[in-house]
Amino acid sequence: MTREELVAFCLHLPGARVDYKWGSNQVFSVAHNKMFAIVDFLGDNLAFKVDDALFLGLTDRPGVRPAPYLARAHWISMNGSKPPIGDEELRELLTRSHQLVVRRLPRKHQVGLLLDL
């Protein structure tokens, strides 16, 4: 998946928006400030939140590591220009990241953002 495809995919998720923070980091969030993915995280990396149960298994894969500063919240990081995960799995993980964040919002803010997974 190219960077442009990755950005387009993240933006197509319900309620997603993008901001630039900390220099050149493209931060994707819902509900104004709840991050679910970061492109150009500490260079040419992609970082996003994963399920607690998947965190250790994913970080055991070559090229996937706990995201600096965000690992305690179960974020992973990988090379954004050549992700070590296939496109379909990456789309699924980004969608799950989005939904993990949405499910932590107050119920009134979840309306229209929840997907059937």
PDB file of N, CA and C in Angstrom:
ATOM      1  N   MET A   1       0.849  -1.167   0.000  1.00  0.00           N
ATOM      2  CA  MET A   1       0.000   0.000   0.000  1.00  0.00           C
ATOM      3  C   MET A   1       0.901   1.238   0.000  1.00  0.00           C
ATOM      4  N   THR A   2       0.658   2.134  -0.906  1.00  0.00           N
ATOM      5  CA  THR A   2       1.458   3.354  -0.961  1.00  0.00           C
ATOM      6  C   THR A   2       1.016   4.310   0.139  1.00  0.00           C
ATOM      7  N   ARG A   3       1.833   5.321   0.350  1.00  0.00           N
ATOM      8  CA  ARG A   3       1.504   6.329   1.368  1.00  0.00           C
ATOM      9  C   ARG A   3       0.168   6.999   1.043  1.00  0.00           C
ATOM     10  N   GLU A   4      -0.063   7.313  -0.223  1.00  0.00           N
ATOM     11  CA  GLU A   4      -1.298   7.973  -0.629  1.00  0.00           C
ATOM     12  C   GLU A   4      -2.504   7.068  -0.383  1.00  0.00           C
ATOM     13  N   GLU A   5      -2.366   5.769  -0.665  1.00  0.00           N
ATOM     14  CA  GLU A   5      -3.445   4.821  -0.415  1.00  0.00           C
ATOM     15  C   GLU A   5      -3.716   4.690   1.082  1.00  0.00           C
ATOM     16  N   LEU A   6      -2.652   4.684   1.859  1.00  0.00           N
ATOM     17  CA  LEU A   6      -2.770   4.588   3.313  1.00  0.00           C
ATOM     18  C   LEU A   6      -3.517   5.794   3.872  1.00  0.00           C
ATOM     19  N   VAL A   7      -3.138   6.980   3.433  1.00  0.00           N
ATOM     20  CA  VAL A   7      -3.794   8.213   3.882  1.00  0.00           C
ATOM     21  C   VAL A   7      -5.264   8.204   3.458  1.00  0.00           C
ATOM     22  N   ALA A   8      -5.532   7.834   2.200  1.00  0.00           N
ATOM     23  CA  ALA A   8      -6.910   7.791   1.703  1.00  0.00           C
ATOM     24  C   ALA A   8      -7.743   6.786   2.492  1.00  0.00           C
ATOM     25  N   PHE A   9      -7.152   5.631   2.812  1.00  0.00           N
ATOM     26  CA  PHE A   9      -7.889   4.626   3.573  1.00  0.00           C
ATOM     27  C   PHE A   9      -8.240   5.145   4.961  1.00  0.00           C
ATOM     28  N   CYS A  10      -7.281   5.730   5.651  1.00  0.00           N
ATOM     29  CA  CYS A  10      -7.541   6.258   6.994  1.00  0.00           C
ATOM     30  C   CYS A  10      -8.624   7.332   6.961  1.00  0.00           C
ATOM     31  N   LEU A  11      -8.597   8.182   5.946  1.00  0.00           N
ATOM     32  CA  LEU A  11      -9.577   9.269   5.866  1.00  0.00           C
ATOM     33  C   LEU A  11     -10.970   8.783   5.487  1.00  0.00           C
ATOM     34  N   HIS A  12     -11.070   7.607   4.888  1.00  0.00           N
ATOM     35  CA  HIS A  12     -12.403   7.106   4.527  1.00  0.00           C
ATOM     36  C   HIS A  12     -13.134   6.495   5.732  1.00  0.00           C
ATOM     37  N   LEU A  13     -12.436   6.236   6.819  1.00  0.00           N
ATOM     38  CA  LEU A  13     -13.072   5.696   8.014  1.00  0.00           C
ATOM     39  C   LEU A  13     -14.001   6.750   8.617  1.00  0.00           C
ATOM     40  N   PRO A  14     -15.150   6.338   9.163  1.00  0.00           N
ATOM     41  CA  PRO A  14     -16.145   7.303   9.650  1.00  0.00           C
ATOM     42  C   PRO A  14     -15.578   8.303  10.667  1.00  0.00           C
ATOM     43  N   GLY A  15     -15.785   9.580  10.386  1.00  0.00           N
ATOM     44  CA  GLY A  15     -15.395  10.637  11.308  1.00  0.00           C
ATOM     45  C   GLY A  15     -13.908  10.928  11.372  1.00  0.00           C
ATOM     46  N   ALA A  16     -13.112  10.283  10.519  1.00  0.00           N
ATOM     47  CA  ALA A  16     -11.655  10.469  10.571  1.00  0.00           C
ATOM     48  C   ALA A  16     -11.258  11.825  10.004  1.00  0.00           C
ATOM     49  N   ARG A  17     -10.254  12.395  10.621  1.00  0.00           N
ATOM     50  CA  ARG A  17      -9.665  13.650  10.137  1.00  0.00           C
ATOM     51  C   ARG A  17      -8.165  13.580  10.332  1.00  0.00           C
ATOM     52  N   VAL A  18      -7.449  14.464   9.684  1.00  0.00           N
ATOM     53  CA  VAL A  18      -5.996  14.453   9.768  1.00  0.00           C
ATOM     54  C   VAL A  18      -5.493  15.824  10.204  1.00  0.00           C
ATOM     55  N   ASP A  19      -4.467  15.818  11.023  1.00  0.00           N
ATOM     56  CA  ASP A  19      -3.780  17.027  11.472  1.00  0.00           C
ATOM     57  C   ASP A  19      -2.291  16.772  11.348  1.00  0.00           C
ATOM     58  N   TYR A  20      -1.522  17.839  11.316  1.00  0.00           N
ATOM     59  CA  TYR A  20      -0.064  17.721  11.397  1.00  0.00           C
ATOM     60  C   TYR A  20       0.343  18.121  12.805  1.00  0.00           C
ATOM     61  N   LYS A  21       1.068  17.226  13.485  1.00  0.00           N
ATOM     62  CA  LYS A  21       1.549  17.504  14.834  1.00  0.00           C
ATOM     63  C   LYS A  21       3.011  17.127  14.925  1.00  0.00           C
ATOM     64  N   TRP A  22       3.695  17.705  15.867  1.00  0.00           N
ATOM     65  CA  TRP A  22       5.091  17.375  16.160  1.00  0.00           C
ATOM     66  C   TRP A  22       5.959  17.436  14.896  1.00  0.00           C
ATOM     67  N   GLY A  23       5.811  18.474  14.127  1.00  0.00           N
ATOM     68  CA  GLY A  23       6.599  18.600  12.906  1.00  0.00           C
ATOM     69  C   GLY A  23       5.839  18.065  11.719  1.00  0.00           C
ATOM     70  N   SER A  24       6.308  16.964  11.146  1.00  0.00           N
ATOM     71  CA  SER A  24       5.716  16.450   9.916  1.00  0.00           C
ATOM     72  C   SER A  24       4.826  15.230  10.119  1.00  0.00           C
ATOM     73  N   ASN A  25       4.450  14.915  11.343  1.00  0.00           N
ATOM     74  CA  ASN A  25       3.611  13.738  11.601  1.00  0.00           C
ATOM     75  C   ASN A  25       2.175  14.000  11.183  1.00  0.00           C
ATOM     76  N   GLN A  26       1.642  13.125  10.321  1.00  0.00           N
ATOM     77  CA  GLN A  26       0.234  13.180   9.962  1.00  0.00           C
ATOM     78  C   GLN A  26      -0.513  12.328  10.978  1.00  0.00           C
ATOM     79  N   VAL A  27      -1.343  12.967  11.777  1.00  0.00           N
ATOM     80  CA  VAL A  27      -2.061  12.276  12.845  1.00  0.00           C
ATOM     81  C   VAL A  27      -3.527  12.144  12.451  1.00  0.00           C
ATOM     82  N   PHE A  28      -4.010  10.889  12.427  1.00  0.00           N
ATOM     83  CA  PHE A  28      -5.399  10.601  12.097  1.00  0.00           C
ATOM     84  C   PHE A  28      -6.158  10.391  13.403  1.00  0.00           C
ATOM     85  N   SER A  29      -7.302  11.059  13.516  1.00  0.00           N
ATOM     86  CA  SER A  29      -8.045  11.002  14.768  1.00  0.00           C
ATOM     87  C   SER A  29      -9.541  11.050  14.502  1.00  0.00           C
ATOM     88  N   VAL A  30     -10.291  10.739  15.547  1.00  0.00           N
ATOM     89  CA  VAL A  30     -11.749  10.878  15.546  1.00  0.00           C
ATOM     90  C   VAL A  30     -12.117  11.721  16.757  1.00  0.00           C
ATOM     91  N   ALA A  31     -13.312  12.279  16.717  1.00  0.00           N
ATOM     92  CA  ALA A  31     -13.807  13.101  17.830  1.00  0.00           C
ATOM     93  C   ALA A  31     -12.817  14.202  18.195  1.00  0.00           C
ATOM     94  N   HIS A  32     -12.263  14.838  17.201  1.00  0.00           N
ATOM     95  CA  HIS A  32     -11.378  16.000  17.321  1.00  0.00           C
ATOM     96  C   HIS A  32      -9.964  15.726  17.821  1.00  0.00           C
ATOM     97  N   ASN A  33      -9.764  14.760  18.712  1.00  0.00           N
ATOM     98  CA  ASN A  33      -8.402  14.605  19.227  1.00  0.00           C
ATOM     99  C   ASN A  33      -8.035  13.196  19.670  1.00  0.00           C
ATOM    100  N   LYS A  34      -8.813  12.195  19.334  1.00  0.00           N
ATOM    101  CA  LYS A  34      -8.511  10.819  19.743  1.00  0.00           C
ATOM    102  C   LYS A  34      -7.790  10.112  18.601  1.00  0.00           C
ATOM    103  N   MET A  35      -6.481   9.982  18.731  1.00  0.00           N
ATOM    104  CA  MET A  35      -5.630   9.431  17.668  1.00  0.00           C
ATOM    105  C   MET A  35      -5.850   7.937  17.476  1.00  0.00           C
ATOM    106  N   PHE A  36      -5.816   7.505  16.199  1.00  0.00           N
ATOM    107  CA  PHE A  36      -5.833   6.075  15.917  1.00  0.00           C
ATOM    108  C   PHE A  36      -4.704   5.653  14.988  1.00  0.00           C
ATOM    109  N   ALA A  37      -4.043   6.586  14.320  1.00  0.00           N
ATOM    110  CA  ALA A  37      -2.902   6.251  13.455  1.00  0.00           C
ATOM    111  C   ALA A  37      -2.040   7.493  13.244  1.00  0.00           C
ATOM    112  N   ILE A  38      -0.744   7.245  13.005  1.00  0.00           N
ATOM    113  CA  ILE A  38       0.201   8.331  12.733  1.00  0.00           C
ATOM    114  C   ILE A  38       1.088   7.902  11.567  1.00  0.00           C
ATOM    115  N   VAL A  39       1.176   8.754  10.549  1.00  0.00           N
ATOM    116  CA  VAL A  39       2.071   8.528   9.410  1.00  0.00           C
ATOM    117  C   VAL A  39       3.250   9.477   9.565  1.00  0.00           C
ATOM    118  N   ASP A  40       4.426   9.004   9.228  1.00  0.00           N
ATOM    119  CA  ASP A  40       5.688   9.740   9.407  1.00  0.00           C
ATOM    120  C   ASP A  40       6.033   9.862  10.881  1.00  0.00           C
ATOM    121  N   PHE A  41       5.665   8.859  11.654  1.00  0.00           N
ATOM    122  CA  PHE A  41       5.962   8.837  13.079  1.00  0.00           C
ATOM    123  C   PHE A  41       7.454   8.612  13.263  1.00  0.00           C
ATOM    124  N   LEU A  42       8.152   9.595  13.796  1.00  0.00           N
ATOM    125  CA  LEU A  42       9.602   9.525  14.003  1.00  0.00           C
ATOM    126  C   LEU A  42      10.348   9.156  12.732  1.00  0.00           C
ATOM    127  N   GLY A  43       9.988   9.787  11.640  1.00  0.00           N
ATOM    128  CA  GLY A  43      10.664   9.511  10.368  1.00  0.00           C
ATOM    129  C   GLY A  43       9.686   8.942   9.363  1.00  0.00           C
ATOM    130  N   ASP A  44      10.042   7.803   8.789  1.00  0.00           N
ATOM    131  CA  ASP A  44       9.228   7.195   7.733  1.00  0.00           C
ATOM    132  C   ASP A  44       8.401   6.030   8.275  1.00  0.00           C
ATOM    133  N   ASN A  45       7.873   6.152   9.467  1.00  0.00           N
ATOM    134  CA  ASN A  45       7.160   5.051  10.093  1.00  0.00           C
ATOM    135  C   ASN A  45       5.660   5.280  10.132  1.00  0.00           C
ATOM    136  N   LEU A  46       4.958   4.177  10.277  1.00  0.00           N
ATOM    137  CA  LEU A  46       3.522   4.168  10.494  1.00  0.00           C
ATOM    138  C   LEU A  46       3.297   3.611  11.892  1.00  0.00           C
ATOM    139  N   ALA A  47       2.447   4.250  12.665  1.00  0.00           N
ATOM    140  CA  ALA A  47       2.134   3.766  14.011  1.00  0.00           C
ATOM    141  C   ALA A  47       0.626   3.778  14.186  1.00  0.00           C
ATOM    142  N   PHE A  48       0.118   2.777  14.902  1.00  0.00           N
ATOM    143  CA  PHE A  48      -1.305   2.729  15.182  1.00  0.00           C
ATOM    144  C   PHE A  48      -1.578   1.834  16.383  1.00  0.00           C
ATOM    145  N   LYS A  49      -2.763   1.987  16.949  1.00  0.00           N
ATOM    146  CA  LYS A  49      -3.183   1.247  18.136  1.00  0.00           C
ATOM    147  C   LYS A  49      -3.653  -0.141  17.721  1.00  0.00           C
ATOM    148  N   VAL A  50      -3.372  -1.148  18.569  1.00  0.00           N
ATOM    149  CA  VAL A  50      -3.848  -2.515  18.325  1.00  0.00           C
ATOM    150  C   VAL A  50      -4.515  -3.051  19.597  1.00  0.00           C
ATOM    151  N   ASP A  51      -5.269  -4.123  19.417  1.00  0.00           N
ATOM    152  CA  ASP A  51      -5.886  -4.796  20.562  1.00  0.00           C
ATOM    153  C   ASP A  51      -4.806  -5.262  21.521  1.00  0.00           C
ATOM    154  N   ASP A  52      -5.112  -5.235  22.808  1.00  0.00           N
ATOM    155  CA  ASP A  52      -4.173  -5.720  23.818  1.00  0.00           C
ATOM    156  C   ASP A  52      -3.721  -7.143  23.514  1.00  0.00           C
ATOM    157  N   ALA A  53      -4.660  -7.995  23.088  1.00  0.00           N
ATOM    158  CA  ALA A  53      -4.361  -9.405  22.834  1.00  0.00           C
ATOM    159  C   ALA A  53      -3.452  -9.604  21.616  1.00  0.00           C
ATOM    160  N   LEU A  54      -3.440  -8.659  20.688  1.00  0.00           N
ATOM    161  CA  LEU A  54      -2.622  -8.786  19.473  1.00  0.00           C
ATOM    162  C   LEU A  54      -1.248  -8.144  19.603  1.00  0.00           C
ATOM    163  N   PHE A  55      -1.080  -7.288  20.591  1.00  0.00           N
ATOM    164  CA  PHE A  55       0.139  -6.487  20.710  1.00  0.00           C
ATOM    165  C   PHE A  55       1.411  -7.332  20.711  1.00  0.00           C
ATOM    166  N   LEU A  56       1.515  -8.305  21.598  1.00  0.00           N
ATOM    167  CA  LEU A  56       2.741  -9.109  21.691  1.00  0.00           C
ATOM    168  C   LEU A  56       2.977  -9.939  20.440  1.00  0.00           C
ATOM    169  N   GLY A  57       1.919 -10.508  19.876  1.00  0.00           N
ATOM    170  CA  GLY A  57       2.065 -11.303  18.668  1.00  0.00           C
ATOM    171  C   GLY A  57       2.541 -10.470  17.486  1.00  0.00           C
ATOM    172  N   LEU A  58       2.013  -9.277  17.350  1.00  0.00           N
ATOM    173  CA  LEU A  58       2.428  -8.413  16.239  1.00  0.00           C
ATOM    174  C   LEU A  58       3.860  -7.918  16.420  1.00  0.00           C
ATOM    175  N   THR A  59       4.244  -7.585  17.648  1.00  0.00           N
ATOM    176  CA  THR A  59       5.599  -7.077  17.860  1.00  0.00           C
ATOM    177  C   THR A  59       6.651  -8.177  17.756  1.00  0.00           C
ATOM    178  N   ASP A  60       6.235  -9.434  17.723  1.00  0.00           N
ATOM    179  CA  ASP A  60       7.173 -10.535  17.479  1.00  0.00           C
ATOM    180  C   ASP A  60       7.512 -10.682  16.001  1.00  0.00           C
ATOM    181  N   ARG A  61       6.747 -10.054  15.135  1.00  0.00           N
ATOM    182  CA  ARG A  61       7.000 -10.141  13.692  1.00  0.00           C
ATOM    183  C   ARG A  61       8.194  -9.274  13.312  1.00  0.00           C
ATOM    184  N   PRO A  62       8.982  -9.719  12.339  1.00  0.00           N
ATOM    185  CA  PRO A  62      10.089  -8.879  11.864  1.00  0.00           C
ATOM    186  C   PRO A  62       9.552  -7.566  11.274  1.00  0.00           C
ATOM    187  N   GLY A  63      10.167  -6.470  11.632  1.00  0.00           N
ATOM    188  CA  GLY A  63       9.792  -5.164  11.102  1.00  0.00           C
ATOM    189  C   GLY A  63       8.681  -4.464  11.867  1.00  0.00           C
ATOM    190  N   VAL A  64       8.111  -5.122  12.862  1.00  0.00           N
ATOM    191  CA  VAL A  64       7.062  -4.518  13.686  1.00  0.00           C
ATOM    192  C   VAL A  64       7.604  -4.413  15.101  1.00  0.00           C
ATOM    193  N   ARG A  65       7.443  -3.243  15.706  1.00  0.00           N
ATOM    194  CA  ARG A  65       7.985  -3.040  17.057  1.00  0.00           C
ATOM    195  C   ARG A  65       7.015  -2.173  17.865  1.00  0.00           C
ATOM    196  N   PRO A  66       7.159  -2.207  19.174  1.00  0.00           N
ATOM    197  CA  PRO A  66       6.338  -1.296  19.985  1.00  0.00           C
ATOM    198  C   PRO A  66       6.659   0.154  19.594  1.00  0.00           C
ATOM    199  N   ALA A  67       5.647   0.975  19.492  1.00  0.00           N
ATOM    200  CA  ALA A  67       5.848   2.369  19.102  1.00  0.00           C
ATOM    201  C   ALA A  67       6.467   3.149  20.258  1.00  0.00           C
ATOM    202  N   PRO A  68       7.579   3.835  20.012  1.00  0.00           N
ATOM    203  CA  PRO A  68       8.182   4.644  21.069  1.00  0.00           C
ATOM    204  C   PRO A  68       7.168   5.651  21.622  1.00  0.00           C
ATOM    205  N   TYR A  69       7.169   5.810  22.911  1.00  0.00           N
ATOM    206  CA  TYR A  69       6.307   6.739  23.639  1.00  0.00           C
ATOM    207  C   TYR A  69       4.842   6.304  23.719  1.00  0.00           C
ATOM    208  N   LEU A  70       4.413   5.370  22.862  1.00  0.00           N
ATOM    209  CA  LEU A  70       3.009   4.977  22.830  1.00  0.00           C
ATOM    210  C   LEU A  70       2.792   3.490  23.097  1.00  0.00           C
ATOM    211  N   ALA A  71       3.854   2.750  23.338  1.00  0.00           N
ATOM    212  CA  ALA A  71       3.750   1.300  23.505  1.00  0.00           C
ATOM    213  C   ALA A  71       2.892   0.922  24.713  1.00  0.00           C
ATOM    214  N   ARG A  72       2.942   1.711  25.762  1.00  0.00           N
ATOM    215  CA  ARG A  72       2.155   1.353  26.948  1.00  0.00           C
ATOM    216  C   ARG A  72       0.659   1.423  26.666  1.00  0.00           C
ATOM    217  N   ALA A  73       0.273   2.127  25.615  1.00  0.00           N
ATOM    218  CA  ALA A  73      -1.131   2.185  25.189  1.00  0.00           C
ATOM    219  C   ALA A  73      -1.392   1.182  24.053  1.00  0.00           C
ATOM    220  N   HIS A  74      -0.448   0.241  23.856  1.00  0.00           N
ATOM    221  CA  HIS A  74      -0.536  -0.816  22.847  1.00  0.00           C
ATOM    222  C   HIS A  74      -0.569  -0.275  21.415  1.00  0.00           C
ATOM    223  N   TRP A  75       0.399   0.579  21.117  1.00  0.00           N
ATOM    224  CA  TRP A  75       0.608   1.056  19.757  1.00  0.00           C
ATOM    225  C   TRP A  75       1.822   0.336  19.193  1.00  0.00           C
ATOM    226  N   ILE A  76       1.756   0.019  17.893  1.00  0.00           N
ATOM    227  CA  ILE A  76       2.896  -0.580  17.211  1.00  0.00           C
ATOM    228  C   ILE A  76       3.399   0.383  16.150  1.00  0.00           C
ATOM    229  N   SER A  77       4.627   0.151  15.711  1.00  0.00           N
ATOM    230  CA  SER A  77       5.260   0.991  14.699  1.00  0.00           C
ATOM    231  C   SER A  77       5.936   0.094  13.678  1.00  0.00           C
ATOM    232  N   MET A  78       5.948   0.544  12.432  1.00  0.00           N
ATOM    233  CA  MET A  78       6.609  -0.197  11.360  1.00  0.00           C
ATOM    234  C   MET A  78       7.004   0.776  10.260  1.00  0.00           C
ATOM    235  N   ASN A  79       7.838   0.320   9.350  1.00  0.00           N
ATOM    236  CA  ASN A  79       8.245   1.148   8.222  1.00  0.00           C
ATOM    237  C   ASN A  79       7.020   1.462   7.381  1.00  0.00           C
ATOM    238  N   GLY A  80       6.747   2.737   7.177  1.00  0.00           N
ATOM    239  CA  GLY A  80       5.563   3.146   6.429  1.00  0.00           C
ATOM    240  C   GLY A  80       5.683   2.994   4.937  1.00  0.00           C
ATOM    241  N   SER A  81       6.895   3.063   4.391  1.00  0.00           N
ATOM    242  CA  SER A  81       7.046   2.944   2.944  1.00  0.00           C
ATOM    243  C   SER A  81       7.045   1.492   2.478  1.00  0.00           C
ATOM    244  N   LYS A  82       7.429   0.571   3.359  1.00  0.00           N
ATOM    245  CA  LYS A  82       7.388  -0.856   3.044  1.00  0.00           C
ATOM    246  C   LYS A  82       6.898  -1.618   4.270  1.00  0.00           C
ATOM    247  N   PRO A  83       5.592  -1.542   4.570  1.00  0.00           N
ATOM    248  CA  PRO A  83       5.092  -2.224   5.761  1.00  0.00           C
ATOM    249  C   PRO A  83       5.315  -3.737   5.670  1.00  0.00           C
ATOM    250  N   PRO A  84       5.709  -4.371   6.771  1.00  0.00           N
ATOM    251  CA  PRO A  84       5.937  -5.816   6.777  1.00  0.00           C
ATOM    252  C   PRO A  84       4.644  -6.616   6.869  1.00  0.00           C
ATOM    253  N   ILE A  85       3.521  -5.946   6.725  1.00  0.00           N
ATOM    254  CA  ILE A  85       2.200  -6.567   6.796  1.00  0.00           C
ATOM    255  C   ILE A  85       1.519  -6.346   5.452  1.00  0.00           C
ATOM    256  N   GLY A  86       0.806  -7.358   4.970  1.00  0.00           N
ATOM    257  CA  GLY A  86       0.097  -7.248   3.696  1.00  0.00           C
ATOM    258  C   GLY A  86      -0.981  -6.172   3.720  1.00  0.00           C
ATOM    259  N   ASP A  87      -1.363  -5.715   2.535  1.00  0.00           N
ATOM    260  CA  ASP A  87      -2.336  -4.624   2.417  1.00  0.00           C
ATOM    261  C   ASP A  87      -3.665  -4.937   3.095  1.00  0.00           C
ATOM    262  N   GLU A  88      -4.199  -6.127   2.861  1.00  0.00           N
ATOM    263  CA  GLU A  88      -5.495  -6.482   3.431  1.00  0.00           C
ATOM    264  C   GLU A  88      -5.442  -6.518   4.960  1.00  0.00           C
ATOM    265  N   GLU A  89      -4.396  -7.133   5.506  1.00  0.00           N
ATOM    266  CA  GLU A  89      -4.251  -7.189   6.955  1.00  0.00           C
ATOM    267  C   GLU A  89      -4.034  -5.787   7.535  1.00  0.00           C
ATOM    268  N   LEU A  90      -3.278  -4.962   6.824  1.00  0.00           N
ATOM    269  CA  LEU A  90      -3.039  -3.596   7.288  1.00  0.00           C
ATOM    270  C   LEU A  90      -4.344  -2.805   7.320  1.00  0.00           C
ATOM    271  N   ARG A  91      -5.175  -2.956   6.301  1.00  0.00           N
ATOM    272  CA  ARG A  91      -6.477  -2.278   6.299  1.00  0.00           C
ATOM    273  C   ARG A  91      -7.325  -2.736   7.484  1.00  0.00           C
ATOM    274  N   GLU A  92      -7.304  -4.044   7.735  1.00  0.00           N
ATOM    275  CA  GLU A  92      -8.074  -4.589   8.856  1.00  0.00           C
ATOM    276  C   GLU A  92      -7.558  -4.039  10.193  1.00  0.00           C
ATOM    277  N   LEU A  93      -6.244  -3.994  10.360  1.00  0.00           N
ATOM    278  CA  LEU A  93      -5.670  -3.488  11.608  1.00  0.00           C
ATOM    279  C   LEU A  93      -5.947  -2.000  11.800  1.00  0.00           C
ATOM    280  N   LEU A  94      -5.891  -1.223  10.726  1.00  0.00           N
ATOM    281  CA  LEU A  94      -6.196   0.211  10.831  1.00  0.00           C
ATOM    282  C   LEU A  94      -7.673   0.438  11.165  1.00  0.00           C
ATOM    283  N   THR A  95      -8.542  -0.381  10.581  1.00  0.00           N
ATOM    284  CA  THR A  95      -9.972  -0.290  10.895  1.00  0.00           C
ATOM    285  C   THR A  95     -10.210  -0.642  12.356  1.00  0.00           C
ATOM    286  N   ARG A  96      -9.546  -1.690  12.844  1.00  0.00           N
ATOM    287  CA  ARG A  96      -9.679  -2.083  14.253  1.00  0.00           C
ATOM    288  C   ARG A  96      -9.138  -0.988  15.163  1.00  0.00           C
ATOM    289  N   SER A  97      -8.045  -0.345  14.764  1.00  0.00           N
ATOM    290  CA  SER A  97      -7.490   0.753  15.545  1.00  0.00           C
ATOM    291  C   SER A  97      -8.523   1.875  15.676  1.00  0.00           C
ATOM    292  N   HIS A  98      -9.120   2.233  14.557  1.00  0.00           N
ATOM    293  CA  HIS A  98     -10.170   3.256  14.542  1.00  0.00           C
ATOM    294  C   HIS A  98     -11.306   2.863  15.489  1.00  0.00           C
ATOM    295  N   GLN A  99     -11.746   1.616  15.404  1.00  0.00           N
ATOM    296  CA  GLN A  99     -12.864   1.164  16.225  1.00  0.00           C
ATOM    297  C   GLN A  99     -12.505   1.080  17.710  1.00  0.00           C
ATOM    298  N   LEU A 100     -11.260   0.724  18.023  1.00  0.00           N
ATOM    299  CA  LEU A 100     -10.826   0.717  19.425  1.00  0.00           C
ATOM    300  C   LEU A 100     -10.969   2.108  20.037  1.00  0.00           C
ATOM    301  N   VAL A 101     -10.585   3.101  19.277  1.00  0.00           N
ATOM    302  CA  VAL A 101     -10.672   4.480  19.757  1.00  0.00           C
ATOM    303  C   VAL A 101     -12.131   4.927  19.850  1.00  0.00           C
ATOM    304  N   VAL A 102     -12.925   4.601  18.842  1.00  0.00           N
ATOM    305  CA  VAL A 102     -14.337   4.993  18.838  1.00  0.00           C
ATOM    306  C   VAL A 102     -15.065   4.376  20.028  1.00  0.00           C
ATOM    307  N   ARG A 103     -14.786   3.123  20.339  1.00  0.00           N
ATOM    308  CA  ARG A 103     -15.481   2.439  21.433  1.00  0.00           C
ATOM    309  C   ARG A 103     -15.144   3.041  22.807  1.00  0.00           C
ATOM    310  N   ARG A 104     -14.078   3.799  22.897  1.00  0.00           N
ATOM    311  CA  ARG A 104     -13.723   4.445  24.168  1.00  0.00           C
ATOM    312  C   ARG A 104     -14.351   5.833  24.304  1.00  0.00           C
ATOM    313  N   LEU A 105     -14.995   6.293  23.258  1.00  0.00           N
ATOM    314  CA  LEU A 105     -15.685   7.584  23.312  1.00  0.00           C
ATOM    315  C   LEU A 105     -16.982   7.451  24.101  1.00  0.00           C
ATOM    316  N   PRO A 106     -17.493   8.555  24.641  1.00  0.00           N
ATOM    317  CA  PRO A 106     -18.825   8.508  25.247  1.00  0.00           C
ATOM    318  C   PRO A 106     -19.854   8.058  24.196  1.00  0.00           C
ATOM    319  N   ARG A 107     -20.874   7.357  24.626  1.00  0.00           N
ATOM    320  CA  ARG A 107     -21.862   6.778  23.695  1.00  0.00           C
ATOM    321  C   ARG A 107     -22.439   7.810  22.723  1.00  0.00           C
ATOM    322  N   LYS A 108     -22.695   9.016  23.190  1.00  0.00           N
ATOM    323  CA  LYS A 108     -23.302  10.022  22.309  1.00  0.00           C
ATOM    324  C   LYS A 108     -22.370  10.409  21.156  1.00  0.00           C
ATOM    325  N   HIS A 109     -21.049  10.224  21.328  1.00  0.00           N
ATOM    326  CA  HIS A 109     -20.090  10.542  20.265  1.00  0.00           C
ATOM    327  C   HIS A 109     -19.813   9.355  19.339  1.00  0.00           C
ATOM    328  N   GLN A 110     -20.271   8.161  19.742  1.00  0.00           N
ATOM    329  CA  GLN A 110     -20.062   6.967  18.926  1.00  0.00           C
ATOM    330  C   GLN A 110     -21.038   6.863  17.767  1.00  0.00           C
ATOM    331  N   VAL A 111     -22.148   7.588  17.836  1.00  0.00           N
ATOM    332  CA  VAL A 111     -23.186   7.496  16.813  1.00  0.00           C
ATOM    333  C   VAL A 111     -22.602   7.812  15.436  1.00  0.00           C
ATOM    334  N   GLY A 112     -22.814   6.894  14.508  1.00  0.00           N
ATOM    335  CA  GLY A 112     -22.326   7.064  13.143  1.00  0.00           C
ATOM    336  C   GLY A 112     -20.880   6.679  12.928  1.00  0.00           C
ATOM    337  N   LEU A 113     -20.161   6.361  13.995  1.00  0.00           N
ATOM    338  CA  LEU A 113     -18.743   6.022  13.861  1.00  0.00           C
ATOM    339  C   LEU A 113     -18.478   4.523  14.006  1.00  0.00           C
ATOM    340  N   LEU A 114     -19.391   3.781  14.619  1.00  0.00           N
ATOM    341  CA  LEU A 114     -19.191   2.356  14.824  1.00  0.00           C
ATOM    342  C   LEU A 114     -19.420   1.574  13.540  1.00  0.00           C
ATOM    343  N   LEU A 115     -18.571   0.593  13.308  1.00  0.00           N
ATOM    344  CA  LEU A 115     -18.691  -0.282  12.146  1.00  0.00           C
ATOM    345  C   LEU A 115     -18.989  -1.690  12.642  1.00  0.00           C
ATOM    346  N   ASP A 116     -19.611  -2.497  11.809  1.00  0.00           N
ATOM    347  CA  ASP A 116     -19.825  -3.912  12.131  1.00  0.00           C
ATOM    348  C   ASP A 116     -18.588  -4.682  11.735  1.00  0.00           C
ATOM    349  N   LEU A 117     -17.840  -5.153  12.717  1.00  0.00           N
ATOM    350  CA  LEU A 117     -16.621  -5.936  12.419  1.00  0.00           C
ATOM    351  C   LEU A 117     -16.855  -7.394  12.683  1.00  0.00           C
TER     352      LEU A 117
END
